[in-house]
Amino acid sequence: MNGLDAFQEVYGFVAGDEVLRWTAMLIGEVVDELGTPQDFIGHVGGDDFVVITEAGRAEAIAQALRQRFAEGVGTHYAFSDRERGYLVLTDREGNEKRVPLMSLAIGVVRAGDSIFNDIRELTEIAAEARRKEILLL
């Protein structure tokens, strides 16, 4: 998730944990609808999640997650922040900074001929893909 740290700075860690729970439930719902019974969902840590699914379903799941997250994340913000479309934070020097509302960044990696020794290797490659916002199929 992009923007969770700023959200927690304004709303607190309890509200941030609620966003994480909501996101986990959202991922579960989307995978239930568009994935297979063999799919795996995991919470890697912090605001990072992993979904292991069939290659042919990955893009549809990613698109549905982006759309539903964007549609629902606003409920976690105060009306004024939603209307403005960003948070206003003050840095250490006292300067105001505009921070966009949270969004979902998704990286998709297809195993192909690669062999992953453990989940860490897979999540590191997925994290790199997420940072680049690319779809590797």
Protein backbone atom coordinates (compact mmCIF):
# COMPACT_ATOMS: atom_id res chain seq x y z
CA MET A 1 0.00 0.00 0.00
CA ASN A 2 1.26 3.43 -0.88
CA GLY A 3 0.57 6.02 1.79
CA LEU A 4 -0.07 3.83 4.85
CA ASP A 5 2.70 5.50 6.86
CA ALA A 6 1.24 8.97 6.27
CA PHE A 7 -2.24 7.64 7.08
CA GLN A 8 -0.96 6.24 10.38
CA GLU A 9 0.78 9.50 11.17
CA VAL A 10 -2.55 11.32 10.93
CA TYR A 11 -5.01 8.68 12.15
CA GLY A 12 -2.87 6.47 14.40
CA PHE A 13 -1.74 2.87 14.41
CA VAL A 14 -5.12 1.44 15.41
CA ALA A 15 -6.70 2.97 12.31
CA GLY A 16 -3.75 1.71 10.26
CA ASP A 17 -4.29 -1.81 11.59
CA GLU A 18 -7.94 -1.55 10.59
CA VAL A 19 -6.89 -0.64 7.04
CA LEU A 20 -4.59 -3.68 6.98
CA ARG A 21 -7.43 -5.96 8.16
CA TRP A 22 -9.80 -4.47 5.59
CA THR A 23 -7.20 -4.94 2.85
CA ALA A 24 -6.65 -8.57 3.85
CA MET A 25 -10.41 -9.19 3.72
CA LEU A 26 -10.61 -7.46 0.34
CA ILE A 27 -7.83 -9.64 -1.04
CA GLY A 28 -9.61 -12.72 0.27
CA GLU A 29 -12.90 -11.70 -1.34
CA VAL A 30 -11.32 -11.00 -4.73
CA VAL A 31 -9.31 -14.22 -4.73
CA ASP A 32 -12.43 -16.18 -3.71
CA GLU A 33 -14.29 -14.68 -6.68
CA LEU A 34 -11.58 -14.74 -9.35
CA GLY A 35 -9.01 -17.25 -8.17
CA THR A 36 -8.99 -20.97 -7.52
CA PRO A 37 -9.31 -23.04 -4.34
CA GLN A 38 -5.57 -23.75 -4.60
CA ASP A 39 -4.58 -20.06 -4.43
CA PHE A 40 -2.49 -18.85 -1.52
CA ILE A 41 -2.81 -15.50 0.27
CA GLY A 42 -0.18 -14.40 2.76
CA HIS A 43 0.74 -11.34 4.79
CA VAL A 44 4.47 -10.87 4.29
CA GLY A 45 4.67 -8.10 6.88
CA GLY A 46 3.88 -4.42 7.24
CA ASP A 47 1.69 -3.42 4.33
CA ASP A 48 2.90 -6.21 2.02
CA PHE A 49 0.73 -9.13 0.98
CA VAL A 50 1.34 -11.98 -1.47
CA VAL A 51 -1.13 -13.90 -3.62
CA ILE A 52 -0.01 -17.03 -5.43
CA THR A 53 -2.39 -17.94 -8.24
CA GLU A 54 -2.46 -19.28 -11.77
CA ALA A 55 -0.85 -17.04 -14.39
CA GLY A 56 -4.08 -16.73 -16.37
CA ARG A 57 -5.89 -15.27 -13.37
CA ALA A 58 -3.24 -12.88 -12.07
CA GLU A 59 -4.09 -9.83 -14.16
CA ALA A 60 -7.83 -10.03 -13.45
CA ILE A 61 -7.15 -10.37 -9.73
CA ALA A 62 -4.71 -7.43 -9.79
CA GLN A 63 -7.16 -5.20 -11.68
CA ALA A 64 -10.05 -6.08 -9.36
CA LEU A 65 -7.91 -5.40 -6.30
CA ARG A 66 -6.80 -1.99 -7.59
CA GLN A 67 -10.36 -1.00 -8.46
CA ARG A 68 -12.01 -2.18 -5.24
CA PHE A 69 -9.26 -0.75 -3.06
CA ALA A 70 -9.62 2.64 -4.76
CA GLU A 71 -13.41 2.50 -4.36
CA GLY A 72 -13.35 1.53 -0.68
CA VAL A 73 -10.28 3.05 0.92
CA GLY A 74 -11.96 6.44 1.29
CA THR A 75 -14.18 5.10 4.06
CA HIS A 76 -11.12 5.07 6.33
CA TYR A 77 -10.57 8.82 5.95
CA ALA A 78 -12.38 11.81 7.43
CA PHE A 79 -14.79 13.49 5.03
CA SER A 80 -12.56 16.58 4.72
CA ASP A 81 -9.54 14.49 3.71
CA ARG A 82 -11.59 12.53 1.16
CA GLU A 83 -12.99 15.71 -0.36
CA ARG A 84 -9.56 17.33 -0.53
CA GLY A 85 -8.04 14.16 -2.01
CA TYR A 86 -4.88 14.23 0.07
CA LEU A 87 -3.57 14.50 3.62
CA VAL A 88 -1.79 17.56 4.96
CA LEU A 89 1.23 16.70 7.11
CA THR A 90 3.74 18.95 8.81
CA ASP A 91 7.40 17.95 8.53
CA ARG A 92 10.06 18.48 11.21
CA GLU A 93 10.85 21.95 9.91
CA GLY A 94 7.20 22.99 10.19
CA ASN A 95 6.49 22.90 6.47
CA GLU A 96 3.16 21.56 5.29
CA LYS A 97 3.30 18.65 2.89
CA ARG A 98 0.51 17.20 0.74
CA VAL A 99 0.41 13.41 0.69
CA PRO A 100 -1.93 11.49 -1.65
CA LEU A 101 -4.54 9.18 -0.17
CA MET A 102 -3.59 5.51 0.02
CA SER A 103 -3.39 3.45 -3.13
CA LEU A 104 -2.56 -0.14 -3.89
CA ALA A 105 0.68 -1.02 -5.68
CA ILE A 106 0.76 -4.49 -7.21
CA GLY A 107 3.65 -6.39 -8.73
CA VAL A 108 2.98 -9.64 -10.56
CA VAL A 109 5.67 -12.24 -11.16
CA ARG A 110 5.28 -15.45 -13.12
CA ALA A 111 7.51 -18.27 -12.00
CA GLY A 112 8.01 -19.54 -15.55
CA ASP A 113 11.18 -21.56 -15.60
CA SER A 114 12.49 -19.99 -12.39
CA ILE A 115 12.76 -22.01 -9.22
CA PHE A 116 12.26 -20.20 -5.94
CA ASN A 117 13.96 -21.80 -2.95
CA ASP A 118 11.62 -20.19 -0.46
CA ILE A 119 8.91 -17.57 -0.08
CA ARG A 120 11.52 -14.86 0.64
CA GLU A 121 12.98 -15.13 -2.84
CA LEU A 122 9.54 -14.93 -4.38
CA THR A 123 8.48 -11.94 -2.28
CA GLU A 124 11.71 -10.05 -3.02
CA ILE A 125 11.13 -10.38 -6.76
CA ALA A 126 7.46 -9.46 -6.35
CA ALA A 127 8.41 -6.41 -4.27
CA GLU A 128 10.75 -5.23 -7.01
CA ALA A 129 7.99 -5.68 -9.59
CA ARG A 130 5.58 -3.77 -7.33
CA ARG A 131 8.01 -0.87 -6.99
CA LYS A 132 8.20 -0.70 -10.76
CA GLU A 133 4.40 -1.25 -11.08
CA ILE A 134 4.97 -3.83 -13.78
CA LEU A 135 3.24 -7.00 -14.76
CA LEU A 136 5.67 -9.81 -15.50
CA LEU A 137 3.85 -12.71 -17.11
